[in-house]
Structures are given as structure tokens and as C-alpha cells.
């Protein structure tokens, strides 16, 4: 599994642990407590984080492009509301 974020995201659990997911960084070692958090799931749903079951380059590139398109659309919607 490969995880890519379209922005920097800091996750914190109820204990002292923290986990930083950096923008456009391919991660395969995301802790279970991060993947199971409501915040991670919300970011996946809004397109800020993309998950791929394959590690081949074309699949990851497509996932990054989809995440960027979703993030851009969300920014435009937010700008229109303001």
C-alpha cells in the first residue's frame, strides 16, 4: 500500500505519539493508529490523501493527479464561498 498526501498533515493520538505525512511524499509505513483515525479517513474522502494498493509508478502518479484535482476543486469551492 502506498499513501500520498496533497498537503502536509500532522496526526496526533491520545498519547504522546505524532506522525507527519508530508506533501507529495510516498509512504508505505503509515502506522495503524493513523490509518484508523477519523481525520485520516476524512482526508481520504475529500481527496487530500490517496491510497494505492500497487507500488508501480503509473498507479501512484494517477493517484497523485486525482488527489490534486480533488484538492483544487475543493479550494475553488471554498474561494467561491468567501
N, C-alpha and C. Protein backbone atom coordinates (compact mmCIF):
# COMPACT_ATOMS: atom_id res chain seq x y z
N UNK A 1 0.84 -1.17 0.00
CA UNK A 1 0.00 0.00 0.00
C UNK A 1 0.89 1.24 0.00
N UNK A 2 0.56 2.20 -0.87
CA UNK A 2 1.28 3.46 -0.94
C UNK A 2 0.30 4.58 -0.64
N UNK A 3 0.72 5.49 0.21
CA UNK A 3 -0.12 6.62 0.61
C UNK A 3 0.58 7.91 0.20
N UNK A 4 -0.18 8.81 -0.45
CA UNK A 4 0.35 10.09 -0.90
C UNK A 4 -0.61 11.18 -0.45
N UNK A 5 -0.06 12.26 0.09
CA UNK A 5 -0.88 13.39 0.54
C UNK A 5 -0.62 14.60 -0.34
N UNK A 6 -1.67 15.38 -0.59
CA UNK A 6 -1.51 16.59 -1.39
C UNK A 6 -1.17 17.80 -0.51
N UNK A 7 -1.01 17.57 0.79
CA UNK A 7 -0.62 18.63 1.72
C UNK A 7 0.06 18.02 2.93
N UNK A 8 0.75 18.83 3.70
CA UNK A 8 1.37 18.37 4.94
C UNK A 8 0.28 18.16 5.98
N UNK A 9 0.32 17.02 6.66
CA UNK A 9 -0.69 16.71 7.67
C UNK A 9 0.00 16.13 8.90
N UNK A 10 -0.33 16.67 10.07
CA UNK A 10 0.20 16.15 11.32
C UNK A 10 -0.90 15.43 12.07
N UNK A 11 -0.66 14.18 12.39
CA UNK A 11 -1.61 13.36 13.15
C UNK A 11 -1.10 13.23 14.57
N UNK A 12 -2.02 13.26 15.52
CA UNK A 12 -1.69 13.06 16.93
C UNK A 12 -2.69 12.08 17.50
N UNK A 13 -2.19 11.20 18.37
CA UNK A 13 -3.14 10.30 19.05
C UNK A 13 -3.31 10.78 20.49
N UNK A 14 -4.07 10.04 21.26
CA UNK A 14 -4.35 10.47 22.63
C UNK A 14 -3.11 10.38 23.52
N UNK A 15 -2.10 9.66 23.08
CA UNK A 15 -0.84 9.58 23.82
C UNK A 15 0.16 10.59 23.28
N UNK A 16 1.43 10.33 23.49
CA UNK A 16 2.46 11.28 23.07
C UNK A 16 2.87 11.14 21.60
N UNK A 17 2.29 10.19 20.87
CA UNK A 17 2.74 9.93 19.51
C UNK A 17 2.23 10.97 18.52
N UNK A 18 3.11 11.30 17.56
CA UNK A 18 2.77 12.19 16.46
C UNK A 18 3.28 11.54 15.17
N UNK A 19 2.62 11.87 14.06
CA UNK A 19 3.05 11.34 12.77
C UNK A 19 2.83 12.41 11.71
N UNK A 20 3.87 12.77 10.98
CA UNK A 20 3.78 13.79 9.94
C UNK A 20 3.77 13.13 8.57
N UNK A 21 2.75 13.43 7.81
CA UNK A 21 2.64 12.96 6.43
C UNK A 21 2.91 14.18 5.56
N UNK A 22 4.05 14.17 4.86
CA UNK A 22 4.46 15.34 4.09
C UNK A 22 3.86 15.34 2.69
N UNK A 23 3.68 16.52 2.16
CA UNK A 23 3.10 16.72 0.84
C UNK A 23 3.92 16.00 -0.23
N UNK A 24 3.24 15.24 -1.09
CA UNK A 24 3.82 14.53 -2.23
C UNK A 24 4.90 13.52 -1.86
N UNK A 25 4.90 13.05 -0.64
CA UNK A 25 5.85 12.03 -0.20
C UNK A 25 5.15 10.68 -0.22
N UNK A 26 5.78 9.69 -0.84
CA UNK A 26 5.21 8.35 -0.91
C UNK A 26 5.53 7.61 0.38
N UNK A 27 4.49 7.16 1.08
CA UNK A 27 4.69 6.47 2.35
C UNK A 27 4.08 5.08 2.29
N UNK A 28 4.80 4.12 2.81
CA UNK A 28 4.29 2.76 2.91
C UNK A 28 4.24 2.30 4.36
N UNK A 29 4.74 3.14 5.26
CA UNK A 29 4.89 2.75 6.66
C UNK A 29 3.98 3.53 7.60
N UNK A 30 2.81 3.92 7.15
CA UNK A 30 1.90 4.70 7.99
C UNK A 30 1.35 3.81 9.11
N UNK A 31 1.48 4.25 10.36
CA UNK A 31 1.02 3.43 11.48
C UNK A 31 -0.49 3.16 11.43
N UNK A 32 -0.88 2.04 12.00
CA UNK A 32 -2.29 1.64 12.01
C UNK A 32 -3.15 2.69 12.72
N UNK A 33 -2.66 3.28 13.82
CA UNK A 33 -3.47 4.24 14.55
C UNK A 33 -3.77 5.48 13.70
N UNK A 34 -2.87 5.79 12.75
CA UNK A 34 -3.13 6.91 11.83
C UNK A 34 -4.18 6.51 10.80
N UNK A 35 -3.98 5.36 10.18
CA UNK A 35 -4.92 4.88 9.14
C UNK A 35 -6.32 4.68 9.67
N UNK A 36 -6.47 4.37 10.94
CA UNK A 36 -7.78 4.11 11.54
C UNK A 36 -8.45 5.37 12.12
N UNK A 37 -7.73 6.50 12.10
CA UNK A 37 -8.27 7.71 12.70
C UNK A 37 -9.35 8.33 11.81
N UNK A 38 -10.29 9.04 12.44
CA UNK A 38 -11.36 9.70 11.70
C UNK A 38 -10.78 10.77 10.79
N UNK A 39 -9.70 11.43 11.21
CA UNK A 39 -9.09 12.50 10.44
C UNK A 39 -8.49 11.96 9.14
N UNK A 40 -7.79 10.84 9.22
CA UNK A 40 -7.21 10.20 8.03
C UNK A 40 -8.32 9.83 7.06
N UNK A 41 -9.38 9.21 7.57
CA UNK A 41 -10.50 8.80 6.72
C UNK A 41 -11.16 10.00 6.05
N UNK A 42 -11.30 11.10 6.79
CA UNK A 42 -11.89 12.32 6.21
C UNK A 42 -11.01 12.89 5.10
N UNK A 43 -9.69 12.85 5.30
CA UNK A 43 -8.77 13.35 4.28
C UNK A 43 -8.77 12.47 3.04
N UNK A 44 -8.96 11.18 3.21
CA UNK A 44 -9.08 10.27 2.07
C UNK A 44 -10.37 10.60 1.31
N UNK A 45 -11.46 10.81 2.04
CA UNK A 45 -12.75 11.10 1.41
C UNK A 45 -12.75 12.41 0.63
N UNK A 46 -12.03 13.42 1.13
CA UNK A 46 -12.03 14.70 0.40
C UNK A 46 -10.92 14.79 -0.65
N UNK A 47 -10.12 13.73 -0.79
CA UNK A 47 -9.11 13.69 -1.83
C UNK A 47 -7.76 14.24 -1.45
N UNK A 48 -7.59 14.66 -0.20
CA UNK A 48 -6.29 15.18 0.23
C UNK A 48 -5.26 14.07 0.37
N UNK A 49 -5.72 12.85 0.63
CA UNK A 49 -4.84 11.69 0.73
C UNK A 49 -5.33 10.64 -0.25
N UNK A 50 -4.38 10.08 -1.00
CA UNK A 50 -4.70 9.00 -1.94
C UNK A 50 -4.00 7.73 -1.49
N UNK A 51 -4.69 6.62 -1.66
CA UNK A 51 -4.16 5.31 -1.28
C UNK A 51 -4.15 4.43 -2.51
N UNK A 52 -3.03 3.73 -2.73
CA UNK A 52 -2.93 2.80 -3.85
C UNK A 52 -2.44 1.46 -3.32
N UNK A 53 -3.04 0.38 -3.80
CA UNK A 53 -2.60 -0.95 -3.40
C UNK A 53 -1.38 -1.40 -4.18
N UNK A 54 -1.05 -0.68 -5.24
CA UNK A 54 0.09 -1.03 -6.08
C UNK A 54 1.22 -0.04 -5.84
N UNK A 55 2.44 -0.49 -6.04
CA UNK A 55 3.58 0.40 -5.88
C UNK A 55 4.19 0.78 -7.22
N UNK A 56 3.53 0.40 -8.33
CA UNK A 56 4.08 0.74 -9.64
C UNK A 56 3.92 2.24 -9.88
N UNK A 57 4.86 2.83 -10.54
CA UNK A 57 4.87 4.27 -10.75
C UNK A 57 3.62 4.83 -11.43
N UNK A 58 3.12 4.23 -12.52
CA UNK A 58 1.93 4.81 -13.16
C UNK A 58 0.72 4.88 -12.22
N UNK A 59 0.53 3.89 -11.40
CA UNK A 59 -0.61 3.89 -10.49
C UNK A 59 -0.47 4.99 -9.45
N UNK A 60 0.72 5.17 -8.93
CA UNK A 60 0.96 6.21 -7.93
C UNK A 60 0.80 7.58 -8.56
N UNK A 61 1.28 7.76 -9.77
CA UNK A 61 1.14 9.05 -10.45
C UNK A 61 -0.33 9.40 -10.67
N UNK A 62 -1.11 8.44 -11.08
CA UNK A 62 -2.55 8.67 -11.27
C UNK A 62 -3.20 9.03 -9.94
N UNK A 63 -2.83 8.36 -8.88
CA UNK A 63 -3.39 8.66 -7.55
C UNK A 63 -3.04 10.09 -7.14
N UNK A 64 -1.82 10.51 -7.41
CA UNK A 64 -1.41 11.88 -7.08
C UNK A 64 -2.19 12.89 -7.91
N UNK A 65 -2.39 12.61 -9.18
CA UNK A 65 -3.13 13.52 -10.04
C UNK A 65 -4.58 13.65 -9.57
N UNK A 66 -5.20 12.53 -9.20
CA UNK A 66 -6.57 12.56 -8.71
C UNK A 66 -6.67 13.38 -7.42
N UNK A 67 -5.70 13.20 -6.54
CA UNK A 67 -5.70 13.94 -5.28
C UNK A 67 -5.56 15.44 -5.54
N UNK A 68 -4.71 15.80 -6.48
CA UNK A 68 -4.51 17.22 -6.79
C UNK A 68 -5.77 17.82 -7.42
N UNK A 69 -6.43 17.09 -8.30
CA UNK A 69 -7.67 17.58 -8.92
C UNK A 69 -8.74 17.80 -7.85
N UNK A 70 -8.89 16.85 -6.94
CA UNK A 70 -9.89 16.99 -5.88
C UNK A 70 -9.56 18.16 -4.96
N UNK A 71 -8.28 18.31 -4.61
CA UNK A 71 -7.87 19.39 -3.73
C UNK A 71 -8.09 20.75 -4.40
N UNK A 72 -7.80 20.84 -5.70
CA UNK A 72 -8.00 22.08 -6.44
C UNK A 72 -9.48 22.44 -6.49
N UNK A 73 -10.32 21.45 -6.77
CA UNK A 73 -11.76 21.69 -6.81
C UNK A 73 -12.27 22.16 -5.46
N UNK A 74 -11.76 21.57 -4.39
CA UNK A 74 -12.20 21.97 -3.05
C UNK A 74 -11.77 23.41 -2.75
N UNK A 75 -10.55 23.76 -3.14
CA UNK A 75 -10.07 25.14 -2.92
C UNK A 75 -10.95 26.14 -3.67
N UNK A 76 -11.32 25.79 -4.91
CA UNK A 76 -12.16 26.69 -5.70
C UNK A 76 -13.53 26.87 -5.06
N UNK A 77 -14.11 25.76 -4.55
CA UNK A 77 -15.41 25.87 -3.88
C UNK A 77 -15.30 26.75 -2.64
N UNK A 78 -14.21 26.61 -1.89
CA UNK A 78 -14.01 27.40 -0.69
C UNK A 78 -13.85 28.87 -1.03
N UNK A 79 -13.10 29.16 -2.11
CA UNK A 79 -12.90 30.54 -2.51
C UNK A 79 -14.20 31.19 -2.95
N UNK A 80 -15.07 30.45 -3.61
CA UNK A 80 -16.35 30.99 -4.05
C UNK A 80 -17.24 31.36 -2.87
N UNK A 81 -17.17 30.57 -1.79
CA UNK A 81 -17.99 30.83 -0.60
C UNK A 81 -17.55 32.12 0.09
N UNK A 82 -16.27 32.41 0.01
CA UNK A 82 -15.75 33.60 0.69
C UNK A 82 -16.08 34.80 -0.13
